[in-house]
PDB file of N, CA and C in Angstrom:
ATOM      1  N   MET A   1       0.840  -1.183   0.000  1.00  0.00           N
ATOM      2  CA  MET A   1       0.000   0.000   0.000  1.00  0.00           C
ATOM      3  C   MET A   1       0.881   1.240   0.000  1.00  0.00           C
ATOM      4  N   TYR A   2       0.451   2.196  -0.810  1.00  0.00           N
ATOM      5  CA  TYR A   2       1.295   3.372  -1.004  1.00  0.00           C
ATOM      6  C   TYR A   2       1.528   4.160   0.275  1.00  0.00           C
ATOM      7  N   PHE A   3       0.552   4.199   1.181  1.00  0.00           N
ATOM      8  CA  PHE A   3       0.728   5.038   2.363  1.00  0.00           C
ATOM      9  C   PHE A   3       1.890   4.563   3.226  1.00  0.00           C
ATOM     10  N   LYS A   4       2.100   3.260   3.324  1.00  0.00           N
ATOM     11  CA  LYS A   4       3.247   2.764   4.085  1.00  0.00           C
ATOM     12  C   LYS A   4       4.541   3.119   3.370  1.00  0.00           C
ATOM     13  N   ARG A   5       4.538   2.973   2.062  1.00  0.00           N
ATOM     14  CA  ARG A   5       5.752   3.228   1.297  1.00  0.00           C
ATOM     15  C   ARG A   5       6.148   4.708   1.358  1.00  0.00           C
ATOM     16  N   ILE A   6       5.185   5.636   1.282  1.00  0.00           N
ATOM     17  CA  ILE A   6       5.570   7.052   1.325  1.00  0.00           C
ATOM     18  C   ILE A   6       6.107   7.426   2.704  1.00  0.00           C
ATOM     19  N   GLY A   7       5.579   6.794   3.731  1.00  0.00           N
ATOM     20  CA  GLY A   7       6.104   7.035   5.075  1.00  0.00           C
ATOM     21  C   GLY A   7       7.505   6.482   5.235  1.00  0.00           C
ATOM     22  N   ASP A   8       7.723   5.276   4.724  1.00  0.00           N
ATOM     23  CA  ASP A   8       9.057   4.666   4.801  1.00  0.00           C
ATOM     24  C   ASP A   8      10.088   5.472   4.020  1.00  0.00           C
ATOM     25  N   LEU A   9       9.712   5.941   2.838  1.00  0.00           N
ATOM     26  CA  LEU A   9      10.638   6.752   2.035  1.00  0.00           C
ATOM     27  C   LEU A   9      10.991   8.053   2.755  1.00  0.00           C
ATOM     28  N   ARG A  10       9.997   8.675   3.362  1.00  0.00           N
ATOM     29  CA  ARG A  10      10.249   9.928   4.085  1.00  0.00           C
ATOM     30  C   ARG A  10      11.238   9.693   5.222  1.00  0.00           C
ATOM     31  N   ILE A  11      11.016   8.650   5.980  1.00  0.00           N
ATOM     32  CA  ILE A  11      11.899   8.337   7.109  1.00  0.00           C
ATOM     33  C   ILE A  11      13.299   7.981   6.612  1.00  0.00           C
ATOM     34  N   ASP A  12      13.376   7.174   5.543  1.00  0.00           N
ATOM     35  CA  ASP A  12      14.678   6.791   4.977  1.00  0.00           C
ATOM     36  C   ASP A  12      15.475   7.995   4.499  1.00  0.00           C
ATOM     37  N   HIS A  13      14.777   9.059   4.111  1.00  0.00           N
ATOM     38  CA  HIS A  13      15.450  10.273   3.628  1.00  0.00           C
ATOM     39  C   HIS A  13      15.580  11.329   4.725  1.00  0.00           C
ATOM     40  N   ASP A  14      15.306  10.931   5.961  1.00  0.00           N
ATOM     41  CA  ASP A  14      15.422  11.836   7.118  1.00  0.00           C
ATOM     42  C   ASP A  14      14.660  13.143   6.928  1.00  0.00           C
ATOM     43  N   LYS A  15      13.429  13.030   6.448  1.00  0.00           N
ATOM     44  CA  LYS A  15      12.576  14.199   6.240  1.00  0.00           C
ATOM     45  C   LYS A  15      11.423  14.160   7.229  1.00  0.00           C
ATOM     46  N   THR A  16      10.928  15.327   7.567  1.00  0.00           N
ATOM     47  CA  THR A  16       9.754  15.410   8.438  1.00  0.00           C
ATOM     48  C   THR A  16       8.501  15.485   7.569  1.00  0.00           C
ATOM     49  N   GLN A  17       7.375  15.214   8.201  1.00  0.00           N
ATOM     50  CA  GLN A  17       6.118  15.366   7.478  1.00  0.00           C
ATOM     51  C   GLN A  17       5.942  16.813   7.019  1.00  0.00           C
ATOM     52  N   ARG A  18       6.373  17.742   7.826  1.00  0.00           N
ATOM     53  CA  ARG A  18       6.267  19.167   7.470  1.00  0.00           C
ATOM     54  C   ARG A  18       7.068  19.457   6.206  1.00  0.00           C
ATOM     55  N   GLU A  19       8.287  18.935   6.110  1.00  0.00           N
ATOM     56  CA  GLU A  19       9.124  19.188   4.927  1.00  0.00           C
ATOM     57  C   GLU A  19       8.474  18.632   3.659  1.00  0.00           C
ATOM     58  N   ILE A  20       7.918  17.430   3.752  1.00  0.00           N
ATOM     59  CA  ILE A  20       7.291  16.828   2.576  1.00  0.00           C
ATOM     60  C   ILE A  20       5.997  17.565   2.247  1.00  0.00           C
ATOM     61  N   ALA A  21       5.226  17.921   3.247  1.00  0.00           N
ATOM     62  CA  ALA A  21       3.997  18.683   3.011  1.00  0.00           C
ATOM     63  C   ALA A  21       4.318  20.021   2.345  1.00  0.00           C
ATOM     64  N   ASP A  22       5.360  20.686   2.795  1.00  0.00           N
ATOM     65  CA  ASP A  22       5.760  21.956   2.178  1.00  0.00           C
ATOM     66  C   ASP A  22       6.147  21.757   0.715  1.00  0.00           C
ATOM     67  N   MET A  23       6.874  20.690   0.429  1.00  0.00           N
ATOM     68  CA  MET A  23       7.280  20.399  -0.946  1.00  0.00           C
ATOM     69  C   MET A  23       6.048  20.139  -1.819  1.00  0.00           C
ATOM     70  N   LEU A  24       5.041  19.481  -1.232  1.00  0.00           N
ATOM     71  CA  LEU A  24       3.811  19.169  -1.970  1.00  0.00           C
ATOM     72  C   LEU A  24       2.809  20.323  -1.959  1.00  0.00           C
ATOM     73  N   LEU A  25       3.144  21.377  -1.231  1.00  0.00           N
ATOM     74  CA  LEU A  25       2.264  22.543  -1.093  1.00  0.00           C
ATOM     75  C   LEU A  25       0.918  22.166  -0.466  1.00  0.00           C
ATOM     76  N   CYS A  26       1.010  21.364   0.600  1.00  0.00           N
ATOM     77  CA  CYS A  26      -0.204  21.002   1.329  1.00  0.00           C
ATOM     78  C   CYS A  26       0.043  21.139   2.825  1.00  0.00           C
ATOM     79  N   ASN A  27      -1.002  21.033   3.590  1.00  0.00           N
ATOM     80  CA  ASN A  27      -0.944  21.128   5.036  1.00  0.00           C
ATOM     81  C   ASN A  27      -0.310  19.865   5.618  1.00  0.00           C
ATOM     82  N   ARG A  28       0.464  19.989   6.693  1.00  0.00           N
ATOM     83  CA  ARG A  28       1.101  18.831   7.314  1.00  0.00           C
ATOM     84  C   ARG A  28       0.088  17.795   7.771  1.00  0.00           C
ATOM     85  N   GLN A  29      -1.039  18.249   8.339  1.00  0.00           N
ATOM     86  CA  GLN A  29      -2.046  17.304   8.812  1.00  0.00           C
ATOM     87  C   GLN A  29      -2.660  16.515   7.653  1.00  0.00           C
ATOM     88  N   VAL A  30      -2.830  17.177   6.520  1.00  0.00           N
ATOM     89  CA  VAL A  30      -3.358  16.488   5.339  1.00  0.00           C
ATOM     90  C   VAL A  30      -2.356  15.430   4.890  1.00  0.00           C
ATOM     91  N   TYR A  31      -1.069  15.809   4.840  1.00  0.00           N
ATOM     92  CA  TYR A  31      -0.054  14.836   4.443  1.00  0.00           C
ATOM     93  C   TYR A  31       0.003  13.669   5.431  1.00  0.00           C
ATOM     94  N   ALA A  32      -0.116  13.949   6.704  1.00  0.00           N
ATOM     95  CA  ALA A  32      -0.101  12.887   7.717  1.00  0.00           C
ATOM     96  C   ALA A  32      -1.244  11.902   7.466  1.00  0.00           C
ATOM     97  N   ARG A  33      -2.386  12.402   7.030  1.00  0.00           N
ATOM     98  CA  ARG A  33      -3.520  11.511   6.713  1.00  0.00           C
ATOM     99  C   ARG A  33      -3.210  10.641   5.500  1.00  0.00           C
ATOM    100  N   TYR A  34      -2.452  11.173   4.545  1.00  0.00           N
ATOM    101  CA  TYR A  34      -2.030  10.356   3.402  1.00  0.00           C
ATOM    102  C   TYR A  34      -1.158   9.198   3.880  1.00  0.00           C
ATOM    103  N   GLU A  35      -0.213   9.507   4.759  1.00  0.00           N
ATOM    104  CA  GLU A  35       0.697   8.468   5.269  1.00  0.00           C
ATOM    105  C   GLU A  35      -0.026   7.412   6.096  1.00  0.00           C
ATOM    106  N   ARG A  36      -1.068   7.800   6.778  1.00  0.00           N
ATOM    107  CA  ARG A  36      -1.818   6.835   7.596  1.00  0.00           C
ATOM    108  C   ARG A  36      -2.879   6.093   6.793  1.00  0.00           C
ATOM    109  N   GLY A  37      -3.086   6.500   5.555  1.00  0.00           N
ATOM    110  CA  GLY A  37      -4.074   5.844   4.715  1.00  0.00           C
ATOM    111  C   GLY A  37      -5.500   6.277   5.004  1.00  0.00           C
ATOM    112  N   ILE A  38      -5.646   7.360   5.742  1.00  0.00           N
ATOM    113  CA  ILE A  38      -6.972   7.878   6.083  1.00  0.00           C
ATOM    114  C   ILE A  38      -7.563   8.636   4.901  1.00  0.00           C
ATOM    115  N   ARG A  39      -6.686   9.255   4.143  1.00  0.00           N
ATOM    116  CA  ARG A  39      -7.106  10.065   3.001  1.00  0.00           C
ATOM    117  C   ARG A  39      -6.338   9.604   1.774  1.00  0.00           C
ATOM    118  N   GLU A  40      -7.016   9.531   0.644  1.00  0.00           N
ATOM    119  CA  GLU A  40      -6.368   9.097  -0.591  1.00  0.00           C
ATOM    120  C   GLU A  40      -5.575  10.251  -1.190  1.00  0.00           C
ATOM    121  N   ILE A  41      -4.333   9.969  -1.553  1.00  0.00           N
ATOM    122  CA  ILE A  41      -3.456  11.000  -2.078  1.00  0.00           C
ATOM    123  C   ILE A  41      -3.719  11.187  -3.579  1.00  0.00           C
ATOM    124  N   PRO A  42      -3.793  12.427  -4.046  1.00  0.00           N
ATOM    125  CA  PRO A  42      -4.004  12.676  -5.472  1.00  0.00           C
ATOM    126  C   PRO A  42      -2.828  12.171  -6.311  1.00  0.00           C
ATOM    127  N   VAL A  43      -3.120  11.750  -7.521  1.00  0.00           N
ATOM    128  CA  VAL A  43      -2.090  11.237  -8.426  1.00  0.00           C
ATOM    129  C   VAL A  43      -1.012  12.294  -8.665  1.00  0.00           C
ATOM    130  N   SER A  44      -1.392  13.547  -8.768  1.00  0.00           N
ATOM    131  CA  SER A  44      -0.402  14.605  -9.007  1.00  0.00           C
ATOM    132  C   SER A  44       0.637  14.653  -7.884  1.00  0.00           C
ATOM    133  N   MET A  45       0.222  14.389  -6.667  1.00  0.00           N
ATOM    134  CA  MET A  45       1.154  14.371  -5.532  1.00  0.00           C
ATOM    135  C   MET A  45       2.011  13.113  -5.551  1.00  0.00           C
ATOM    136  N   LEU A  46       1.434  11.988  -5.963  1.00  0.00           N
ATOM    137  CA  LEU A  46       2.227  10.765  -6.095  1.00  0.00           C
ATOM    138  C   LEU A  46       3.339  10.965  -7.131  1.00  0.00           C
ATOM    139  N   ILE A  47       3.015  11.637  -8.209  1.00  0.00           N
ATOM    140  CA  ILE A  47       4.027  11.919  -9.239  1.00  0.00           C
ATOM    141  C   ILE A  47       5.140  12.773  -8.657  1.00  0.00           C
ATOM    142  N   LYS A  48       4.780  13.819  -7.912  1.00  0.00           N
ATOM    143  CA  LYS A  48       5.797  14.682  -7.283  1.00  0.00           C
ATOM    144  C   LYS A  48       6.673  13.886  -6.319  1.00  0.00           C
ATOM    145  N   LEU A  49       6.055  12.989  -5.550  1.00  0.00           N
ATOM    146  CA  LEU A  49       6.817  12.178  -4.603  1.00  0.00           C
ATOM    147  C   LEU A  49       7.759  11.225  -5.333  1.00  0.00           C
ATOM    148  N   ALA A  50       7.297  10.606  -6.403  1.00  0.00           N
ATOM    149  CA  ALA A  50       8.147   9.699  -7.174  1.00  0.00           C
ATOM    150  C   ALA A  50       9.351  10.458  -7.737  1.00  0.00           C
ATOM    151  N   GLU A  51       9.120  11.654  -8.236  1.00  0.00           N
ATOM    152  CA  GLU A  51      10.224  12.467  -8.759  1.00  0.00           C
ATOM    153  C   GLU A  51      11.159  12.892  -7.627  1.00  0.00           C
ATOM    154  N   TYR A  52      10.596  13.302  -6.515  1.00  0.00           N
ATOM    155  CA  TYR A  52      11.386  13.768  -5.375  1.00  0.00           C
ATOM    156  C   TYR A  52      12.308  12.670  -4.838  1.00  0.00           C
ATOM    157  N   TYR A  53      11.763  11.464  -4.700  1.00  0.00           N
ATOM    158  CA  TYR A  53      12.530  10.348  -4.155  1.00  0.00           C
ATOM    159  C   TYR A  53      13.282   9.557  -5.225  1.00  0.00           C
ATOM    160  N   HIS A  54      13.114   9.931  -6.496  1.00  0.00           N
ATOM    161  CA  HIS A  54      13.780   9.243  -7.619  1.00  0.00           C
ATOM    162  C   HIS A  54      13.436   7.756  -7.644  1.00  0.00           C
ATOM    163  N   VAL A  55      12.133   7.483  -7.545  1.00  0.00           N
ATOM    164  CA  VAL A  55      11.633   6.112  -7.636  1.00  0.00           C
ATOM    165  C   VAL A  55      10.524   6.078  -8.691  1.00  0.00           C
ATOM    166  N   SER A  56      10.193   4.870  -9.141  1.00  0.00           N
ATOM    167  CA  SER A  56       9.125   4.738 -10.126  1.00  0.00           C
ATOM    168  C   SER A  56       7.761   4.826  -9.434  1.00  0.00           C
ATOM    169  N   MET A  57       6.763   5.162 -10.215  1.00  0.00           N
ATOM    170  CA  MET A  57       5.392   5.175  -9.690  1.00  0.00           C
ATOM    171  C   MET A  57       4.982   3.762  -9.267  1.00  0.00           C
ATOM    172  N   ASP A  58       5.399   2.758 -10.035  1.00  0.00           N
ATOM    173  CA  ASP A  58       5.068   1.372  -9.675  1.00  0.00           C
ATOM    174  C   ASP A  58       5.603   1.034  -8.287  1.00  0.00           C
ATOM    175  N   TYR A  59       6.822   1.471  -7.991  1.00  0.00           N
ATOM    176  CA  TYR A  59       7.400   1.230  -6.663  1.00  0.00           C
ATOM    177  C   TYR A  59       6.609   1.984  -5.604  1.00  0.00           C
ATOM    178  N   LEU A  60       6.314   3.230  -5.901  1.00  0.00           N
ATOM    179  CA  LEU A  60       5.632   4.073  -4.925  1.00  0.00           C
ATOM    180  C   LEU A  60       4.272   3.507  -4.523  1.00  0.00           C
ATOM    181  N   VAL A  61       3.549   2.955  -5.474  1.00  0.00           N
ATOM    182  CA  VAL A  61       2.215   2.434  -5.169  1.00  0.00           C
ATOM    183  C   VAL A  61       2.211   0.952  -4.827  1.00  0.00           C
ATOM    184  N   GLY A  62       3.397   0.324  -4.774  1.00  0.00           N
ATOM    185  CA  GLY A  62       3.502  -1.043  -4.319  1.00  0.00           C
ATOM    186  C   GLY A  62       3.325  -2.116  -5.369  1.00  0.00           C
ATOM    187  N   LEU A  63       3.405  -1.752  -6.651  1.00  0.00           N
ATOM    188  CA  LEU A  63       3.278  -2.754  -7.701  1.00  0.00           C
ATOM    189  C   LEU A  63       4.576  -3.532  -7.932  1.00  0.00           C
ATOM    190  N   THR A  64       5.673  -2.977  -7.433  1.00  0.00           N
ATOM    191  CA  THR A  64       6.972  -3.660  -7.529  1.00  0.00           C
ATOM    192  C   THR A  64       7.794  -3.286  -6.295  1.00  0.00           C
ATOM    193  N   ASP A  65       8.762  -4.116  -5.983  1.00  0.00           N
ATOM    194  CA  ASP A  65       9.676  -3.817  -4.887  1.00  0.00           C
ATOM    195  C   ASP A  65      10.993  -3.244  -5.388  1.00  0.00           C
ATOM    196  N   ASP A  66      11.093  -3.033  -6.693  1.00  0.00           N
ATOM    197  CA  ASP A  66      12.283  -2.468  -7.316  1.00  0.00           C
ATOM    198  C   ASP A  66      12.063  -0.973  -7.532  1.00  0.00           C
ATOM    199  N   PRO A  67      12.775  -0.112  -6.791  1.00  0.00           N
ATOM    200  CA  PRO A  67      12.553   1.330  -6.895  1.00  0.00           C
ATOM    201  C   PRO A  67      12.784   1.901  -8.292  1.00  0.00           C
ATOM    202  N   GLY A  68      13.585   1.236  -9.089  1.00  0.00           N
ATOM    203  CA  GLY A  68      13.879   1.747 -10.429  1.00  0.00           C
ATOM    204  C   GLY A  68      12.955   1.259 -11.510  1.00  0.00           C
ATOM    205  N   SER A  69      12.057   0.346 -11.198  1.00  0.00           N
ATOM    206  CA  SER A  69      11.169  -0.234 -12.221  1.00  0.00           C
ATOM    207  C   SER A  69      10.057   0.709 -12.585  1.00  0.00           C
TER     208      SER A  69
END
């Protein structure tokens, strides 16, 4: 599930929810809901996250375990 993966990527990159929310131009609480799976994240934000973390969309949404695929 993408919400676990975006949280893991953020932690692996030593970023706070505030930093990622600022990059996505959204509120920290809204981003926190994305990470917890309470709120569905828009595709446009998933694209920004994939570009930011230099991973594929397939990896980000859990279709593969290979970040470069």
